[in-house]
Amino acid sequence: MRYGLVVFDFDGTLVDTSEPILLSINAALGSAGLPPRPREDVLPLVGLGLERVLERLAGAPCDVAALAEAYRAHFDTVVAGRTPHVDGVVDALDRIAGRGARLAIATSRSKASLEAILDAHGLKGRFALLVTAHCVPQTKPEPDMLHKIAADLRADPRRTVMVGDTTYDLAMGRAAGTATCGVTWGSHDATALRPLADHLAERAADLPALLGYR
């Protein structure tokens, strides 16, 4: 099936933001006197929304708003030059869009941060709509982001596919009635993604053919 709308997650799917995320999470925890957390604790939570991630990692009652503010301040200082886009993703986006699909992003990242990174990679103009955590009442894995995208773009969920690297992305797609495509180069592996995925991509270069854009 060729989908009319392809919605992408951002972190771990289009760009590799793992290094600045890990550094910034631990800087935020450190600002509250909390111990750092290892990569294997942090990265599987990416996608749930910053406040929820920090609340889980803090492991004790804390001022989540203050932690989030510390995270964002640190992220802005370390993000430059540390968010390479995934190999082959630009060509995949161009091939899919060139065959008539609309593209959108659904991410728990803030809009200002998202736009800054997209601009740095020259990607911003490729997407019909950017939906971030602050655009909807509930973030992933709830379906609110995809409901908003479908409404704003007047898209049929049955002809929409959600592409992401975590089970939160795919669970959101299932809840919204879209098809799902897991990508194995991000936070969650194929074993975790496969039960929720209609398609599974091991390389960005595989996406056009998997989604019907040969």
N, C-alpha and C. Protein backbone atom coordinates (compact mmCIF):
# COMPACT_ATOMS: atom_id res chain seq x y z
N MET A 1 0.84 -1.20 0.00
CA MET A 1 0.00 0.00 0.00
C MET A 1 0.87 1.24 0.00
N ARG A 2 0.49 2.22 -0.81
CA ARG A 2 1.18 3.50 -0.82
C ARG A 2 0.38 4.47 0.06
N TYR A 3 1.03 5.02 1.08
CA TYR A 3 0.36 5.89 2.04
C TYR A 3 0.36 7.34 1.56
N GLY A 4 -0.74 8.03 1.82
CA GLY A 4 -0.83 9.43 1.43
C GLY A 4 -0.12 10.37 2.38
N LEU A 5 0.03 9.94 3.64
CA LEU A 5 0.69 10.75 4.66
C LEU A 5 1.65 9.86 5.45
N VAL A 6 2.90 10.31 5.57
CA VAL A 6 3.91 9.59 6.34
C VAL A 6 4.34 10.49 7.49
N VAL A 7 4.07 10.04 8.72
CA VAL A 7 4.40 10.82 9.92
C VAL A 7 5.63 10.21 10.57
N PHE A 8 6.61 11.06 10.84
CA PHE A 8 7.86 10.59 11.43
C PHE A 8 8.00 11.08 12.87
N ASP A 9 8.48 10.19 13.72
CA ASP A 9 9.09 10.60 14.97
C ASP A 9 10.38 11.35 14.62
N PHE A 10 10.97 12.04 15.59
CA PHE A 10 12.17 12.82 15.30
C PHE A 10 13.42 12.20 15.94
N ASP A 11 13.51 12.26 17.27
CA ASP A 11 14.71 11.79 17.97
C ASP A 11 14.88 10.28 17.78
N GLY A 12 16.03 9.89 17.24
CA GLY A 12 16.31 8.48 17.04
C GLY A 12 15.78 7.92 15.74
N THR A 13 14.90 8.67 15.07
CA THR A 13 14.32 8.22 13.81
C THR A 13 14.92 8.99 12.63
N LEU A 14 14.88 10.31 12.70
CA LEU A 14 15.46 11.15 11.65
C LEU A 14 16.86 11.63 12.01
N VAL A 15 17.08 11.93 13.27
CA VAL A 15 18.40 12.39 13.74
C VAL A 15 18.81 11.62 14.98
N ASP A 16 20.12 11.56 15.21
CA ASP A 16 20.65 10.89 16.39
C ASP A 16 20.96 11.96 17.44
N THR A 17 20.03 12.14 18.36
CA THR A 17 20.20 13.12 19.43
C THR A 17 20.59 12.46 20.75
N SER A 18 21.05 11.23 20.70
CA SER A 18 21.29 10.47 21.94
C SER A 18 22.36 11.11 22.81
N GLU A 19 23.44 11.62 22.21
CA GLU A 19 24.51 12.18 23.03
C GLU A 19 24.07 13.44 23.78
N PRO A 20 23.52 14.47 23.09
CA PRO A 20 23.09 15.65 23.85
C PRO A 20 21.94 15.36 24.82
N ILE A 21 21.07 14.42 24.49
CA ILE A 21 20.00 14.07 25.44
C ILE A 21 20.60 13.48 26.72
N LEU A 22 21.50 12.53 26.59
CA LEU A 22 22.10 11.90 27.77
C LEU A 22 22.86 12.91 28.61
N LEU A 23 23.67 13.75 27.96
CA LEU A 23 24.42 14.77 28.68
C LEU A 23 23.49 15.72 29.42
N SER A 24 22.40 16.11 28.77
CA SER A 24 21.50 17.11 29.35
C SER A 24 20.63 16.53 30.46
N ILE A 25 20.21 15.28 30.31
CA ILE A 25 19.47 14.62 31.39
C ILE A 25 20.33 14.58 32.65
N ASN A 26 21.58 14.18 32.51
CA ASN A 26 22.43 14.07 33.68
C ASN A 26 22.84 15.43 34.24
N ALA A 27 22.94 16.44 33.39
CA ALA A 27 23.18 17.79 33.90
C ALA A 27 21.98 18.26 34.72
N ALA A 28 20.77 17.97 34.24
CA ALA A 28 19.56 18.36 34.97
C ALA A 28 19.48 17.64 36.31
N LEU A 29 19.72 16.33 36.31
CA LEU A 29 19.71 15.59 37.57
C LEU A 29 20.76 16.11 38.53
N GLY A 30 21.95 16.41 37.99
CA GLY A 30 23.02 16.94 38.83
C GLY A 30 22.67 18.27 39.46
N SER A 31 21.90 19.09 38.73
CA SER A 31 21.52 20.41 39.26
C SER A 31 20.65 20.28 40.51
N ALA A 32 20.01 19.11 40.69
CA ALA A 32 19.17 18.87 41.86
C ALA A 32 19.87 17.95 42.87
N GLY A 33 21.16 17.72 42.66
CA GLY A 33 21.91 16.87 43.57
C GLY A 33 21.61 15.39 43.42
N LEU A 34 21.06 15.01 42.26
CA LEU A 34 20.73 13.61 42.02
C LEU A 34 21.84 12.94 41.21
N PRO A 35 22.05 11.65 41.38
CA PRO A 35 23.14 10.97 40.68
C PRO A 35 22.84 10.82 39.19
N PRO A 36 23.89 10.73 38.38
CA PRO A 36 23.68 10.51 36.94
C PRO A 36 23.12 9.14 36.67
N ARG A 37 22.47 9.01 35.52
CA ARG A 37 21.91 7.72 35.11
C ARG A 37 22.61 7.26 33.84
N PRO A 38 22.83 5.95 33.69
CA PRO A 38 23.54 5.44 32.51
C PRO A 38 22.66 5.49 31.26
N ARG A 39 23.32 5.38 30.14
CA ARG A 39 22.67 5.42 28.83
C ARG A 39 21.51 4.44 28.74
N GLU A 40 21.70 3.23 29.28
CA GLU A 40 20.67 2.20 29.15
C GLU A 40 19.42 2.51 29.98
N ASP A 41 19.52 3.40 30.95
CA ASP A 41 18.34 3.84 31.70
C ASP A 41 17.62 4.98 31.01
N VAL A 42 18.39 5.84 30.33
CA VAL A 42 17.83 7.09 29.79
C VAL A 42 17.21 6.89 28.41
N LEU A 43 17.96 6.34 27.49
CA LEU A 43 17.52 6.38 26.09
C LEU A 43 16.25 5.58 25.81
N PRO A 44 15.99 4.45 26.48
CA PRO A 44 14.72 3.76 26.21
C PRO A 44 13.48 4.58 26.57
N LEU A 45 13.64 5.64 27.38
CA LEU A 45 12.49 6.46 27.78
C LEU A 45 12.24 7.63 26.83
N VAL A 46 13.21 7.93 25.97
CA VAL A 46 13.08 9.08 25.08
C VAL A 46 11.85 8.90 24.20
N GLY A 47 11.03 9.93 24.14
CA GLY A 47 9.80 9.87 23.37
C GLY A 47 8.56 10.01 24.23
N LEU A 48 8.72 9.77 25.52
CA LEU A 48 7.57 9.85 26.42
C LEU A 48 7.19 11.29 26.78
N GLY A 49 8.07 12.23 26.53
CA GLY A 49 7.87 13.60 26.97
C GLY A 49 8.87 13.89 28.08
N LEU A 50 9.50 15.06 28.02
CA LEU A 50 10.62 15.37 28.90
C LEU A 50 10.25 15.26 30.37
N GLU A 51 9.14 15.85 30.76
CA GLU A 51 8.78 15.85 32.18
C GLU A 51 8.56 14.42 32.70
N ARG A 52 7.92 13.59 31.90
CA ARG A 52 7.69 12.21 32.33
C ARG A 52 9.00 11.44 32.43
N VAL A 53 9.92 11.69 31.51
CA VAL A 53 11.23 11.03 31.55
C VAL A 53 11.98 11.44 32.82
N LEU A 54 12.03 12.73 33.09
CA LEU A 54 12.75 13.22 34.27
C LEU A 54 12.13 12.71 35.56
N GLU A 55 10.83 12.67 35.61
CA GLU A 55 10.15 12.17 36.82
C GLU A 55 10.51 10.72 37.09
N ARG A 56 10.57 9.91 36.03
CA ARG A 56 10.92 8.50 36.20
C ARG A 56 12.38 8.34 36.62
N LEU A 57 13.27 9.15 36.03
CA LEU A 57 14.70 8.99 36.29
C LEU A 57 15.11 9.55 37.64
N ALA A 58 14.39 10.56 38.12
CA ALA A 58 14.76 11.17 39.40
C ALA A 58 14.63 10.17 40.54
N GLY A 59 13.62 9.32 40.47
CA GLY A 59 13.47 8.28 41.46
C GLY A 59 13.10 8.75 42.84
N ALA A 60 12.68 10.01 42.96
CA ALA A 60 12.29 10.59 44.24
C ALA A 60 11.46 11.83 43.96
N PRO A 61 10.66 12.29 44.93
CA PRO A 61 9.92 13.54 44.71
C PRO A 61 10.87 14.67 44.33
N CYS A 62 10.51 15.42 43.31
CA CYS A 62 11.40 16.47 42.81
C CYS A 62 10.59 17.54 42.12
N ASP A 63 11.23 18.65 41.85
CA ASP A 63 10.63 19.75 41.10
C ASP A 63 10.87 19.48 39.62
N VAL A 64 9.92 18.81 38.98
CA VAL A 64 10.10 18.39 37.59
C VAL A 64 10.24 19.59 36.66
N ALA A 65 9.50 20.65 36.93
CA ALA A 65 9.59 21.85 36.08
C ALA A 65 11.00 22.44 36.12
N ALA A 66 11.61 22.47 37.31
CA ALA A 66 12.98 23.00 37.44
C ALA A 66 13.98 22.09 36.72
N LEU A 67 13.77 20.77 36.84
CA LEU A 67 14.64 19.84 36.13
C LEU A 67 14.52 20.03 34.62
N ALA A 68 13.30 20.21 34.12
CA ALA A 68 13.10 20.40 32.69
C ALA A 68 13.76 21.68 32.21
N GLU A 69 13.67 22.73 33.01
CA GLU A 69 14.31 24.00 32.63
C GLU A 69 15.83 23.82 32.57
N ALA A 70 16.40 23.11 33.54
CA ALA A 70 17.84 22.86 33.54
C ALA A 70 18.23 22.01 32.34
N TYR A 71 17.41 21.03 32.01
CA TYR A 71 17.68 20.18 30.84
C TYR A 71 17.74 21.03 29.56
N ARG A 72 16.73 21.85 29.37
CA ARG A 72 16.66 22.64 28.12
C ARG A 72 17.82 23.61 28.01
N ALA A 73 18.19 24.23 29.13
CA ALA A 73 19.31 25.17 29.09
C ALA A 73 20.60 24.46 28.71
N HIS A 74 20.80 23.26 29.24
CA HIS A 74 22.02 22.52 28.92
C HIS A 74 21.98 21.99 27.50
N PHE A 75 20.83 21.48 27.07
CA PHE A 75 20.72 20.94 25.71
C PHE A 75 21.09 21.98 24.67
N ASP A 76 20.63 23.21 24.87
CA ASP A 76 20.92 24.27 23.91
C ASP A 76 22.41 24.55 23.79
N THR A 77 23.17 24.27 24.86
CA THR A 77 24.61 24.54 24.82
C THR A 77 25.40 23.41 24.18
N VAL A 78 24.85 22.20 24.12
CA VAL A 78 25.62 21.05 23.63
C VAL A 78 25.09 20.48 22.32
N VAL A 79 23.93 20.95 21.85
CA VAL A 79 23.31 20.31 20.70
C VAL A 79 24.05 20.56 19.39
N ALA A 80 24.67 21.74 19.25
CA ALA A 80 25.31 22.10 17.97
C ALA A 80 26.40 21.08 17.62
N GLY A 81 26.29 20.53 16.42
CA GLY A 81 27.29 19.60 15.93
C GLY A 81 27.20 18.20 16.49
N ARG A 82 26.22 17.94 17.37
CA ARG A 82 26.13 16.62 18.01
C ARG A 82 24.84 15.90 17.65
N THR A 83 24.17 16.30 16.59
CA THR A 83 22.92 15.65 16.19
C THR A 83 22.99 15.29 14.71
N PRO A 84 23.83 14.33 14.34
CA PRO A 84 23.87 13.93 12.93
C PRO A 84 22.54 13.32 12.50
N HIS A 85 22.13 13.61 11.26
CA HIS A 85 20.93 12.92 10.79
C HIS A 85 21.29 11.48 10.42
N VAL A 86 20.31 10.63 10.48
CA VAL A 86 20.51 9.20 10.22
C VAL A 86 20.95 9.02 8.76
N ASP A 87 21.93 8.15 8.57
CA ASP A 87 22.45 7.90 7.23
C ASP A 87 21.34 7.46 6.28
N GLY A 88 21.21 8.16 5.16
CA GLY A 88 20.23 7.81 4.14
C GLY A 88 18.86 8.42 4.33
N VAL A 89 18.65 9.14 5.44
CA VAL A 89 17.30 9.63 5.72
C VAL A 89 16.88 10.76 4.79
N VAL A 90 17.80 11.63 4.41
CA VAL A 90 17.44 12.74 3.53
C VAL A 90 16.97 12.23 2.18
N ASP A 91 17.71 11.28 1.63
CA ASP A 91 17.30 10.70 0.34
C ASP A 91 15.97 9.98 0.46
N ALA A 92 15.75 9.28 1.58
CA ALA A 92 14.48 8.58 1.77
C ALA A 92 13.32 9.57 1.82
N LEU A 93 13.48 10.66 2.56
CA LEU A 93 12.43 11.68 2.63
C LEU A 93 12.13 12.24 1.24
N ASP A 94 13.18 12.53 0.49
CA ASP A 94 12.99 13.11 -0.84
C ASP A 94 12.32 12.13 -1.80
N ARG A 95 12.66 10.86 -1.69
CA ARG A 95 12.04 9.87 -2.58
C ARG A 95 10.56 9.69 -2.25
N ILE A 96 10.23 9.65 -0.98
CA ILE A 96 8.83 9.48 -0.57
C ILE A 96 8.01 10.69 -0.98
N ALA A 97 8.52 11.89 -0.67
CA ALA A 97 7.79 13.12 -1.01
C ALA A 97 7.70 13.29 -2.53
N GLY A 98 8.76 12.88 -3.23
CA GLY A 98 8.78 13.03 -4.67
C GLY A 98 7.77 12.16 -5.39
N ARG A 99 7.24 11.16 -4.70
CA ARG A 99 6.22 10.29 -5.27
C ARG A 99 4.82 10.61 -4.75
N GLY A 100 4.69 11.80 -4.18
CA GLY A 100 3.36 12.32 -3.89
C GLY A 100 2.89 12.26 -2.45
N ALA A 101 3.67 11.72 -1.53
CA ALA A 101 3.24 11.66 -0.13
C ALA A 101 3.47 12.99 0.57
N ARG A 102 2.62 13.29 1.53
CA ARG A 102 2.89 14.39 2.44
C ARG A 102 3.64 13.85 3.65
N LEU A 103 4.51 14.69 4.22
CA LEU A 103 5.32 14.31 5.36
C LEU A 103 4.96 15.19 6.55
N ALA A 104 4.98 14.60 7.76
CA ALA A 104 4.76 15.35 8.99
C ALA A 104 5.65 14.77 10.08
N ILE A 105 5.78 15.52 11.17
CA ILE A 105 6.55 15.06 12.33
C ILE A 105 5.66 15.10 13.56
N ALA A 106 5.75 14.04 14.37
CA ALA A 106 5.10 13.98 15.68
C ALA A 106 6.18 13.67 16.70
N THR A 107 6.49 14.62 17.57
CA THR A 107 7.60 14.47 18.50
C THR A 107 7.28 15.06 19.85
N SER A 108 7.89 14.50 20.89
CA SER A 108 7.75 15.05 22.23
C SER A 108 8.74 16.19 22.48
N ARG A 109 9.61 16.47 21.52
CA ARG A 109 10.55 17.59 21.63
C ARG A 109 9.79 18.92 21.55
N SER A 110 10.35 19.98 22.14
CA SER A 110 9.73 21.30 22.04
C SER A 110 9.84 21.81 20.61
N LYS A 111 8.92 22.68 20.22
CA LYS A 111 8.90 23.17 18.85
C LYS A 111 10.13 24.00 18.52
N ALA A 112 10.57 24.85 19.45
CA ALA A 112 11.75 25.69 19.18
C ALA A 112 12.98 24.82 18.94
N SER A 113 13.16 23.80 19.78
CA SER A 113 14.31 22.91 19.62
C SER A 113 14.20 22.11 18.33
N LEU A 114 13.02 21.61 18.04
CA LEU A 114 12.80 20.86 16.80
C LEU A 114 13.15 21.70 15.57
N GLU A 115 12.61 22.91 15.53
CA GLU A 115 12.84 23.77 14.36
C GLU A 115 14.31 24.12 14.21
N ALA A 116 15.00 24.33 15.34
CA ALA A 116 16.43 24.67 15.28
C ALA A 116 17.24 23.53 14.68
N ILE A 117 16.94 22.30 15.08
CA ILE A 117 17.69 21.16 14.56
C ILE A 117 17.32 20.89 13.10
N LEU A 118 16.05 21.01 12.76
CA LEU A 118 15.65 20.85 11.36
C LEU A 118 16.35 21.88 10.48
N ASP A 119 16.40 23.12 10.95
CA ASP A 119 17.08 24.16 10.18
C ASP A 119 18.56 23.81 9.99
N ALA A 120 19.19 23.31 11.04
CA ALA A 120 20.62 22.99 10.97
C ALA A 120 20.90 21.92 9.93
N HIS A 121 19.92 21.04 9.70
CA HIS A 121 20.09 19.97 8.72
C HIS A 121 19.44 20.28 7.37
N GLY A 122 18.84 21.46 7.24
CA GLY A 122 18.17 21.81 5.99
C GLY A 122 16.94 20.98 5.71
N LEU A 123 16.26 20.53 6.76
CA LEU A 123 15.13 19.61 6.59
C LEU A 123 13.77 20.27 6.77
N LYS A 124 13.72 21.45 7.32
CA LYS A 124 12.45 22.01 7.79
C LYS A 124 11.39 22.11 6.70
N GLY A 125 11.74 22.52 5.51
CA GLY A 125 10.75 22.75 4.47
C GLY A 125 10.12 21.50 3.90
N ARG A 126 10.59 20.34 4.32
CA ARG A 126 10.06 19.09 3.75
C ARG A 126 8.75 18.63 4.39
N PHE A 127 8.35 19.25 5.51
CA PHE A 127 7.23 18.72 6.29
C PHE A 127 6.02 19.65 6.24
N ALA A 128 4.85 19.03 6.00
CA ALA A 128 3.61 19.82 5.94
C ALA A 128 3.17 20.29 7.31
N LEU A 129 3.56 19.57 8.37
CA LEU A 129 3.12 19.93 9.71
C LEU A 129 4.09 19.36 10.74
N LEU A 130 4.36 20.16 11.77
CA LEU A 130 5.18 19.74 12.91
C LEU A 130 4.29 19.77 14.15
N VAL A 131 4.11 18.64 14.79
CA VAL A 131 3.31 18.59 16.02
C VAL A 131 4.21 18.14 17.16
N THR A 132 4.25 18.97 18.21
CA THR A 132 5.13 18.72 19.35
C THR A 132 4.30 18.51 20.62
N ALA A 133 5.02 18.24 21.70
CA ALA A 133 4.34 17.89 22.96
C ALA A 133 3.38 18.96 23.43
N HIS A 134 3.72 20.23 23.20
CA HIS A 134 2.89 21.31 23.73
C HIS A 134 1.69 21.63 22.85
N CYS A 135 1.54 20.89 21.76
CA CYS A 135 0.40 21.11 20.85
C CYS A 135 -0.83 20.32 21.26
N VAL A 136 -0.67 19.35 22.15
CA VAL A 136 -1.75 18.41 22.45
C VAL A 136 -1.84 18.16 23.95
N PRO A 137 -3.00 17.69 24.43
CA PRO A 137 -3.15 17.43 25.86
C PRO A 137 -2.26 16.30 26.38
N GLN A 138 -2.08 15.24 25.58
CA GLN A 138 -1.31 14.08 26.03
C GLN A 138 -0.29 13.69 24.96
N THR A 139 0.90 13.29 25.41
CA THR A 139 1.95 12.89 24.49
C THR A 139 1.93 11.37 24.30
N LYS A 140 2.91 10.88 23.56
CA LYS A 140 3.02 9.46 23.27
C LYS A 140 3.05 8.66 24.59
N PRO A 141 2.46 7.49 24.61
CA PRO A 141 1.88 6.72 23.50
C PRO A 141 0.40 7.00 23.23
N GLU A 142 -0.15 8.04 23.85
CA GLU A 142 -1.54 8.41 23.55
C GLU A 142 -1.64 8.91 22.10
N PRO A 143 -2.81 8.84 21.46
CA PRO A 143 -2.93 9.14 20.03
C PRO A 143 -3.12 10.62 19.67
N ASP A 144 -3.06 11.51 20.67
CA ASP A 144 -3.43 12.91 20.44
C ASP A 144 -2.66 13.57 19.29
N MET A 145 -1.36 13.33 19.20
CA MET A 145 -0.56 13.96 18.14
C MET A 145 -1.05 13.55 16.76
N LEU A 146 -1.30 12.26 16.58
CA LEU A 146 -1.76 11.80 15.27
C LEU A 146 -3.18 12.25 14.99
N HIS A 147 -4.01 12.34 15.99
CA HIS A 147 -5.35 12.88 15.78
C HIS A 147 -5.28 14.32 15.29
N LYS A 148 -4.38 15.11 15.89
CA LYS A 148 -4.23 16.51 15.47
C LYS A 148 -3.71 16.60 14.04
N ILE A 149 -2.71 15.78 13.72
CA ILE A 149 -2.16 15.81 12.36
C ILE A 149 -3.24 15.44 11.35
N ALA A 150 -4.00 14.38 11.62
CA ALA A 150 -5.05 13.96 10.69
C ALA A 150 -6.10 15.05 10.51
N ALA A 151 -6.46 15.70 11.62
CA ALA A 151 -7.47 16.77 11.53
C ALA A 151 -6.95 17.97 10.78
N ASP A 152 -5.73 18.41 11.11
CA ASP A 152 -5.19 19.62 10.49
C ASP A 152 -4.90 19.43 9.00
N LEU A 153 -4.47 18.24 8.62
CA LEU A 153 -4.14 17.97 7.22
C LEU A 153 -5.27 17.28 6.47
N ARG A 154 -6.39 17.05 7.17
CA ARG A 154 -7.55 16.37 6.57
C ARG A 154 -7.12 15.06 5.93
N ALA A 155 -6.41 14.29 6.71
CA ALA A 155 -5.85 13.03 6.22
C ALA A 155 -6.64 11.85 6.78
N ASP A 156 -6.73 10.80 6.01
CA ASP A 156 -7.39 9.57 6.42
C ASP A 156 -6.39 8.71 7.20
N PRO A 157 -6.65 8.42 8.48
CA PRO A 157 -5.71 7.58 9.23
C PRO A 157 -5.43 6.24 8.56
N ARG A 158 -6.38 5.71 7.81
CA ARG A 158 -6.18 4.42 7.15
C ARG A 158 -5.17 4.51 6.02
N ARG A 159 -4.88 5.73 5.55
CA ARG A 159 -3.85 5.92 4.51
C ARG A 159 -2.65 6.69 5.06
N THR A 160 -2.47 6.56 6.38
CA THR A 160 -1.37 7.22 7.08
C THR A 160 -0.51 6.16 7.74
N VAL A 161 0.81 6.40 7.79
CA VAL A 161 1.70 5.49 8.49
C VAL A 161 2.56 6.29 9.46
N MET A 162 2.71 5.76 10.67
CA MET A 162 3.57 6.36 11.69
C MET A 162 4.90 5.62 11.72
N VAL A 163 6.00 6.38 11.54
CA VAL A 163 7.34 5.81 11.48
C VAL A 163 8.11 6.24 12.73
N GLY A 164 8.63 5.28 13.50
CA GLY A 164 9.36 5.65 14.70
C GLY A 164 10.26 4.55 15.22
N ASP A 165 11.13 4.94 16.16
CA ASP A 165 12.13 4.01 16.68
C ASP A 165 11.78 3.43 18.03
N THR A 166 10.60 3.80 18.59
CA THR A 166 10.22 3.29 19.91
C THR A 166 8.83 2.67 19.89
N THR A 167 8.59 1.85 20.88
CA THR A 167 7.25 1.27 21.03
C THR A 167 6.21 2.33 21.32
N TYR A 168 6.63 3.48 21.89
CA TYR A 168 5.68 4.57 22.16
C TYR A 168 5.14 5.13 20.84
N ASP A 169 6.02 5.26 19.84
CA ASP A 169 5.59 5.75 18.53
C ASP A 169 4.58 4.80 17.90
N LEU A 170 4.90 3.52 17.94
CA LEU A 170 4.05 2.54 17.28
C LEU A 170 2.74 2.33 18.03
N ALA A 171 2.80 2.38 19.36
CA ALA A 171 1.56 2.28 20.13
C ALA A 171 0.65 3.48 19.85
N MET A 172 1.23 4.66 19.67
CA MET A 172 0.46 5.83 19.29
C MET A 172 -0.23 5.61 17.94
N GLY A 173 0.52 5.07 16.98
CA GLY A 173 -0.07 4.78 15.68
C GLY A 173 -1.21 3.79 15.76
N ARG A 174 -1.00 2.73 16.51
CA ARG A 174 -2.07 1.74 16.66
C ARG A 174 -3.32 2.37 17.29
N ALA A 175 -3.11 3.20 18.32
CA ALA A 175 -4.24 3.83 19.00
C ALA A 175 -4.98 4.81 18.10
N ALA A 176 -4.27 5.41 17.15
CA ALA A 176 -4.87 6.39 16.24
C ALA A 176 -5.44 5.75 14.98
N GLY A 177 -5.24 4.46 14.79
CA GLY A 177 -5.78 3.78 13.62
C GLY A 177 -4.95 3.91 12.37
N THR A 178 -3.64 4.23 12.53
CA THR A 178 -2.75 4.31 11.37
C THR A 178 -1.95 3.02 11.24
N ALA A 179 -1.30 2.85 10.10
CA ALA A 179 -0.30 1.81 9.97
C ALA A 179 0.95 2.24 10.75
N THR A 180 1.85 1.29 11.00
CA THR A 180 3.05 1.58 11.77
C THR A 180 4.28 1.01 11.09
N CYS A 181 5.39 1.75 11.23
CA CYS A 181 6.67 1.28 10.69
C CYS A 181 7.74 1.53 11.74
N GLY A 182 8.30 0.46 12.28
CA GLY A 182 9.38 0.59 13.24
C GLY A 182 10.72 0.69 12.52
N VAL A 183 11.64 1.47 13.10
CA VAL A 183 13.00 1.56 12.57
C VAL A 183 13.95 1.09 13.66
N THR A 184 14.93 0.28 13.28
CA THR A 184 15.72 -0.44 14.28
C THR A 184 17.02 0.25 14.64
N TRP A 185 17.25 1.46 14.14
CA TRP A 185 18.52 2.15 14.42
C TRP A 185 18.44 3.11 15.61
N GLY A 186 17.32 3.13 16.32
CA GLY A 186 17.15 4.07 17.41
C GLY A 186 17.17 3.43 18.79
N SER A 187 16.24 3.84 19.64
CA SER A 187 16.27 3.46 21.05
C SER A 187 15.79 2.04 21.34
N HIS A 188 14.82 1.52 20.57
CA HIS A 188 14.26 0.20 20.83
C HIS A 188 14.62 -0.75 19.70
N ASP A 189 14.89 -2.00 20.05
CA ASP A 189 15.36 -2.94 19.03
C ASP A 189 14.20 -3.63 18.32
N ALA A 190 14.56 -4.43 17.33
CA ALA A 190 13.55 -5.10 16.51
C ALA A 190 12.64 -6.00 17.33
N THR A 191 13.19 -6.65 18.34
CA THR A 191 12.39 -7.56 19.16
C THR A 191 11.25 -6.81 19.86
N ALA A 192 11.56 -5.61 20.36
CA ALA A 192 10.54 -4.81 21.04
C ALA A 192 9.55 -4.23 20.04
N LEU A 193 10.02 -3.82 18.88
CA LEU A 193 9.17 -3.13 17.90
C LEU A 193 8.26 -4.06 17.13
N ARG A 194 8.72 -5.25 16.84
CA ARG A 194 8.03 -6.14 15.89
C ARG A 194 6.55 -6.40 16.23
N PRO A 195 6.18 -6.61 17.50
CA PRO A 195 4.76 -6.89 17.77
C PRO A 195 3.82 -5.73 17.42
N LEU A 196 4.34 -4.51 17.34
CA LEU A 196 3.51 -3.33 17.06
C LEU A 196 3.68 -2.81 15.63
N ALA A 197 4.55 -3.43 14.85
CA ALA A 197 4.93 -2.87 13.55
C ALA A 197 4.28 -3.61 12.39
N ASP A 198 3.67 -2.83 11.49
CA ASP A 198 3.22 -3.38 10.21
C ASP A 198 4.39 -3.53 9.25
N HIS A 199 5.38 -2.66 9.41
CA HIS A 199 6.60 -2.70 8.62
C HIS A 199 7.78 -2.51 9.58
N LEU A 200 8.95 -3.01 9.19
CA LEU A 200 10.14 -2.86 10.02
C LEU A 200 11.32 -2.56 9.11
N ALA A 201 11.98 -1.43 9.37
CA ALA A 201 13.10 -1.00 8.52
C ALA A 201 14.41 -1.10 9.29
N GLU A 202 15.41 -1.69 8.65
CA GLU A 202 16.74 -1.77 9.26
C GLU A 202 17.64 -0.64 8.80
N ARG A 203 17.30 0.01 7.69
CA ARG A 203 18.06 1.16 7.18
C ARG A 203 17.08 2.20 6.66
N ALA A 204 17.47 3.46 6.74
CA ALA A 204 16.61 4.51 6.21
C ALA A 204 16.38 4.31 4.71
N ALA A 205 17.37 3.78 4.03
CA ALA A 205 17.24 3.55 2.59
C ALA A 205 16.14 2.55 2.26
N ASP A 206 15.73 1.74 3.24
CA ASP A 206 14.67 0.75 3.01
C ASP A 206 13.27 1.36 3.05
N LEU A 207 13.13 2.55 3.64
CA LEU A 207 11.80 3.10 3.90
C LEU A 207 10.95 3.31 2.64
N PRO A 208 11.47 3.92 1.57
CA PRO A 208 10.60 4.14 0.41
C PRO A 208 9.96 2.86 -0.11
N ALA A 209 10.73 1.80 -0.28
CA ALA A 209 10.18 0.55 -0.81
C ALA A 209 9.20 -0.08 0.19
N LEU A 210 9.53 -0.07 1.48
CA LEU A 210 8.65 -0.65 2.48
C LEU A 210 7.28 0.04 2.51
N LEU A 211 7.29 1.35 2.26
CA LEU A 211 6.04 2.13 2.35
C LEU A 211 5.35 2.31 0.99
N GLY A 212 5.83 1.56 -0.02
CA GLY A 212 5.14 1.56 -1.31
C GLY A 212 5.65 2.56 -2.30
N TYR A 213 6.80 3.16 -2.04
CA TYR A 213 7.35 4.19 -2.93
C TYR A 213 8.60 3.67 -3.63
N ARG A 214 8.46 2.66 -4.42
CA ARG A 214 9.60 2.06 -5.11
C ARG A 214 10.09 2.94 -6.24
